[in-house]
């Protein structure tokens, strides 16, 4: 379950103390997603989509308001407990964030190893997910030996290999062709049917149309009320 209650986010002002006040990136954001729900996050560039996702995967904490994730309020959690909560959240970043010195296999295996899974289970699960994303033959390749779309698929495999309770994806199909995007959406919707709560931010409204689900639409840092969608440039 994900709940935002009157959440605001303001980035620190440029130049630190005494500088001009920074604008609010998110304002009065309130919504609730039940356990196992699926939501698209849409809106024009600069609307606050990535900032909203950063709050959900705990890269940021709100300036005001309350957030509950998977039945827990992150506010006031000890560092260790915050790290444990993060491990229950799978994240697909826009910029992939693969570790350049690790092979594709080891990048995907990283969250399982951090959770201290045994190596037999790691090998089985990582091998399975690499087959699913069509990159078994690239298991030993480092990120700089992979094309952009292949890096995207490795990043997606890493996010889902541990079967997270919450999956957050920021433009996950941006570097994929239509066939691979459809394959990815099959994987994401399969995880959702198994109980994973999913949020996907995208500019691709055709993709949203092919996989109908409720939308969180942002404009200028605020949620647009249902039925009042804004045009995208």
Protein backbone atom coordinates (compact mmCIF):
# COMPACT_ATOMS: atom_id res chain seq x y z
CA UNK A 1 0.00 0.00 0.00
CA UNK A 2 1.15 3.53 -0.84
CA UNK A 3 -0.43 6.60 0.75
CA UNK A 4 0.42 10.28 0.36
CA UNK A 5 -1.33 12.74 2.66
CA UNK A 6 -0.89 16.44 1.74
CA UNK A 7 2.70 15.89 0.62
CA UNK A 8 4.90 18.82 -0.41
CA UNK A 9 8.46 18.70 -1.71
CA UNK A 10 10.84 21.67 -1.92
CA UNK A 11 14.43 21.26 -3.04
CA UNK A 12 17.06 23.32 -1.17
CA UNK A 13 17.55 26.82 -2.57
CA UNK A 14 20.52 27.32 -4.88
CA UNK A 15 23.45 28.90 -3.07
CA UNK A 16 22.35 27.63 0.33
CA UNK A 17 21.40 29.92 3.20
CA UNK A 18 20.32 33.36 2.14
CA UNK A 19 19.60 32.40 -1.47
CA UNK A 20 16.28 32.82 -3.20
CA UNK A 21 13.56 30.46 -1.98
CA UNK A 22 13.30 27.35 -4.14
CA UNK A 23 9.90 26.66 -5.74
CA UNK A 24 7.77 23.78 -4.51
CA UNK A 25 8.29 20.77 -6.79
CA UNK A 26 5.22 18.96 -5.42
CA UNK A 27 2.27 20.60 -3.69
CA UNK A 28 -0.71 19.17 -1.77
CA UNK A 29 -0.28 15.68 -3.24
CA UNK A 30 -2.67 13.15 -1.73
CA UNK A 31 -3.54 9.71 -3.05
CA UNK A 32 -3.75 6.08 -2.00
CA UNK A 33 -2.83 2.91 -3.90
CA UNK A 34 -4.06 -0.36 -2.40
CA UNK A 35 -1.76 -3.33 -2.01
CA UNK A 36 -1.36 -4.97 -5.42
CA UNK A 37 -2.55 -1.87 -7.30
CA UNK A 38 -1.16 -0.51 -10.58
CA UNK A 39 -0.85 3.18 -11.41
CA UNK A 40 0.52 5.08 -14.37
CA UNK A 41 2.24 8.35 -13.47
CA UNK A 42 1.89 10.79 -16.35
CA UNK A 43 2.29 14.48 -17.10
CA UNK A 44 4.48 16.83 -19.14
CA UNK A 45 8.21 17.28 -18.56
CA UNK A 46 8.82 19.20 -15.35
CA UNK A 47 5.47 18.23 -13.84
CA UNK A 48 7.10 16.40 -10.91
CA UNK A 49 6.89 12.74 -11.99
CA UNK A 50 10.47 11.82 -11.15
CA UNK A 51 10.31 13.72 -7.85
CA UNK A 52 7.17 11.81 -6.91
CA UNK A 53 8.91 8.51 -7.66
CA UNK A 54 11.96 9.55 -5.62
CA UNK A 55 9.71 10.01 -2.60
CA UNK A 56 8.25 6.55 -3.16
CA UNK A 57 11.59 4.77 -3.43
CA UNK A 58 12.96 6.80 -0.51
CA UNK A 59 15.65 8.77 -2.31
CA UNK A 60 13.95 11.83 -0.79
CA UNK A 61 11.72 12.55 2.18
CA UNK A 62 8.87 15.07 1.94
CA UNK A 63 9.22 18.66 3.10
CA UNK A 64 5.70 18.50 4.53
CA UNK A 65 2.98 15.88 4.79
CA UNK A 66 2.98 12.16 5.48
CA UNK A 67 3.91 9.13 3.39
CA UNK A 68 3.14 5.48 4.19
CA UNK A 69 4.81 2.71 2.19
CA UNK A 70 4.01 -0.98 2.60
CA UNK A 71 2.35 -0.23 5.92
CA UNK A 72 5.30 1.76 7.27
CA UNK A 73 5.89 5.51 7.68
CA UNK A 74 9.53 6.22 6.69
CA UNK A 75 9.62 9.41 8.78
CA UNK A 76 11.79 8.85 11.85
CA UNK A 77 12.97 5.35 10.86
CA UNK A 78 16.47 4.40 11.92
CA UNK A 79 18.97 4.09 9.07
CA UNK A 80 18.99 0.29 9.29
CA UNK A 81 15.18 0.07 9.17
CA UNK A 82 15.07 2.51 6.25
CA UNK A 83 17.56 0.29 4.37
CA UNK A 84 15.42 -2.78 5.05
CA UNK A 85 12.33 -0.97 3.74
CA UNK A 86 14.22 0.06 0.58
CA UNK A 87 15.05 -3.60 -0.11
CA UNK A 88 11.33 -4.31 -0.49
CA UNK A 89 11.13 -1.74 -3.30
CA UNK A 90 12.34 -2.45 -6.83
CA UNK A 91 13.41 0.59 -8.86
CA UNK A 92 14.00 1.05 -12.59
CA UNK A 93 15.90 4.32 -13.03
CA UNK A 94 15.87 6.48 -16.16
CA UNK A 95 19.66 6.43 -16.24
CA UNK A 96 19.95 2.67 -15.46
CA UNK A 97 22.56 3.09 -12.64
CA UNK A 98 24.36 -0.13 -13.49
CA UNK A 99 27.71 -0.72 -11.81
CA UNK A 100 30.27 -0.48 -14.60
CA UNK A 101 32.79 -2.89 -13.08
CA UNK A 102 30.25 -5.70 -12.68
CA UNK A 103 28.96 -8.10 -15.31
CA UNK A 104 25.30 -8.08 -16.33
CA UNK A 105 24.80 -11.19 -14.19
CA UNK A 106 26.37 -9.58 -11.12
CA UNK A 107 24.42 -6.34 -11.59
CA UNK A 108 21.16 -8.30 -11.60
CA UNK A 109 22.30 -10.46 -8.68
CA UNK A 110 23.20 -7.47 -6.49
CA UNK A 111 19.88 -7.03 -4.63
CA UNK A 112 19.70 -10.76 -3.90
CA UNK A 113 23.23 -10.79 -2.54
CA UNK A 114 22.53 -7.73 -0.39
CA UNK A 115 19.61 -9.71 1.04
CA UNK A 116 22.04 -12.61 1.72
CA UNK A 117 20.31 -15.14 -0.51
CA UNK A 118 22.29 -18.34 -1.08
CA UNK A 119 24.26 -18.52 -4.32
CA UNK A 120 22.28 -21.47 -5.70
CA UNK A 121 19.08 -19.41 -5.46
CA UNK A 122 20.87 -16.37 -6.92
CA UNK A 123 22.09 -18.38 -9.91
CA UNK A 124 18.64 -19.86 -10.55
CA UNK A 125 16.68 -16.62 -10.24
CA UNK A 126 19.15 -14.44 -12.13
CA UNK A 127 19.42 -17.01 -14.93
CA UNK A 128 15.62 -17.13 -15.20
CA UNK A 129 15.16 -13.37 -15.36
CA UNK A 130 17.98 -12.94 -17.88
CA UNK A 131 16.26 -15.50 -20.12
CA UNK A 132 13.00 -13.61 -19.74
CA UNK A 133 14.53 -10.32 -20.87
CA UNK A 134 16.36 -12.11 -23.69
CA UNK A 135 19.92 -11.49 -22.49
CA UNK A 136 21.19 -14.87 -21.28
CA UNK A 137 24.04 -14.69 -23.75
CA UNK A 138 25.11 -11.30 -22.32
CA UNK A 139 25.41 -12.50 -18.71
CA UNK A 140 29.17 -12.00 -18.66
CA UNK A 141 29.18 -8.62 -20.41
CA UNK A 142 29.86 -5.37 -18.57
CA UNK A 143 27.50 -2.40 -19.10
CA UNK A 144 29.89 -0.60 -21.45
CA UNK A 145 29.75 -3.64 -23.73
CA UNK A 146 25.95 -3.45 -23.99
CA UNK A 147 23.72 -1.31 -26.20
CA UNK A 148 21.39 1.20 -24.52
CA UNK A 149 18.34 -1.03 -24.87
CA UNK A 150 20.27 -3.97 -23.41
CA UNK A 151 21.35 -1.86 -20.45
CA UNK A 152 17.71 -0.90 -19.94
CA UNK A 153 16.68 -4.56 -19.85
CA UNK A 154 19.45 -5.40 -17.35
CA UNK A 155 18.28 -2.53 -15.13
CA UNK A 156 14.73 -3.87 -15.31
CA UNK A 157 15.88 -7.41 -14.52
CA UNK A 158 17.76 -6.13 -11.45
CA UNK A 159 14.66 -4.29 -10.22
CA UNK A 160 12.36 -7.32 -10.39
CA UNK A 161 14.65 -10.30 -9.65
CA UNK A 162 13.86 -10.23 -5.92
CA UNK A 163 10.10 -10.04 -6.58
CA UNK A 164 9.69 -6.76 -4.68
CA UNK A 165 6.46 -5.85 -2.92
CA UNK A 166 6.57 -2.43 -4.61
CA UNK A 167 7.97 -1.71 -8.09
CA UNK A 168 8.69 1.85 -9.24
CA UNK A 169 9.73 2.43 -12.86
CA UNK A 170 10.75 5.77 -14.42
CA UNK A 171 10.33 5.65 -18.22
CA UNK A 172 11.20 1.92 -18.35
CA UNK A 173 10.47 1.53 -22.07
CA UNK A 174 12.32 4.65 -23.23
CA UNK A 175 15.20 2.74 -24.89
CA UNK A 176 13.25 -0.33 -26.00
CA UNK A 177 11.73 -1.19 -29.35
CA UNK A 178 8.04 -2.05 -29.54
CA UNK A 179 8.58 -5.81 -29.15
CA UNK A 180 10.82 -5.42 -26.10
CA UNK A 181 8.47 -2.84 -24.57
CA UNK A 182 5.59 -5.30 -24.91
CA UNK A 183 7.74 -8.04 -23.33
CA UNK A 184 8.57 -5.72 -20.44
CA UNK A 185 4.92 -4.85 -19.88
CA UNK A 186 4.07 -8.58 -19.83
CA UNK A 187 6.62 -8.99 -17.03
CA UNK A 188 5.39 -5.97 -15.07
CA UNK A 189 1.72 -6.94 -15.36
CA UNK A 190 2.56 -10.54 -14.38
CA UNK A 191 4.28 -9.26 -11.23
CA UNK A 192 1.28 -7.05 -10.54
CA UNK A 193 -1.08 -10.02 -10.83
CA UNK A 194 1.10 -11.85 -8.28
CA UNK A 195 0.55 -9.02 -5.80
CA UNK A 196 3.33 -6.47 -6.47
CA UNK A 197 2.18 -2.86 -6.25
CA UNK A 198 3.39 -1.04 -9.38
CA UNK A 199 3.90 2.60 -10.41
CA UNK A 200 5.20 3.38 -13.89
CA UNK A 201 6.04 6.93 -15.01
CA UNK A 202 5.93 7.43 -18.76
CA UNK A 203 5.47 9.94 -21.57
CA UNK A 204 4.22 7.15 -23.84
CA UNK A 205 0.45 7.62 -23.83
CA UNK A 206 0.05 4.93 -26.50
CA UNK A 207 1.53 2.45 -24.02
CA UNK A 208 -0.85 3.71 -21.33
CA UNK A 209 -3.73 3.16 -23.74
CA UNK A 210 -2.68 -0.44 -24.43
CA UNK A 211 -2.50 -1.31 -20.73
CA UNK A 212 -5.44 0.48 -19.09
CA UNK A 213 -5.01 1.30 -15.41
CA UNK A 214 -5.77 4.28 -13.16
CA UNK A 215 -3.54 7.31 -13.71
CA UNK A 216 -1.85 9.78 -11.42
CA UNK A 217 -1.52 12.84 -13.63
CA UNK A 218 0.72 15.67 -12.53
CA UNK A 219 0.76 19.26 -13.75
CA UNK A 220 3.02 21.90 -12.18
CA UNK A 221 3.57 19.74 -9.11
CA UNK A 222 -0.09 19.05 -8.38
CA UNK A 223 -2.30 16.08 -9.10
CA UNK A 224 -4.86 16.71 -11.80
CA UNK A 225 -8.34 15.59 -10.64
CA UNK A 226 -9.64 12.48 -12.40
CA UNK A 227 -11.46 13.33 -15.60
CA UNK A 228 -9.57 16.61 -16.10
CA UNK A 229 -6.49 15.41 -17.95
CA UNK A 230 -4.21 18.05 -19.39
CA UNK A 231 -2.77 18.04 -22.88
CA UNK A 232 0.86 16.98 -23.23
CA UNK A 233 3.38 18.69 -25.43
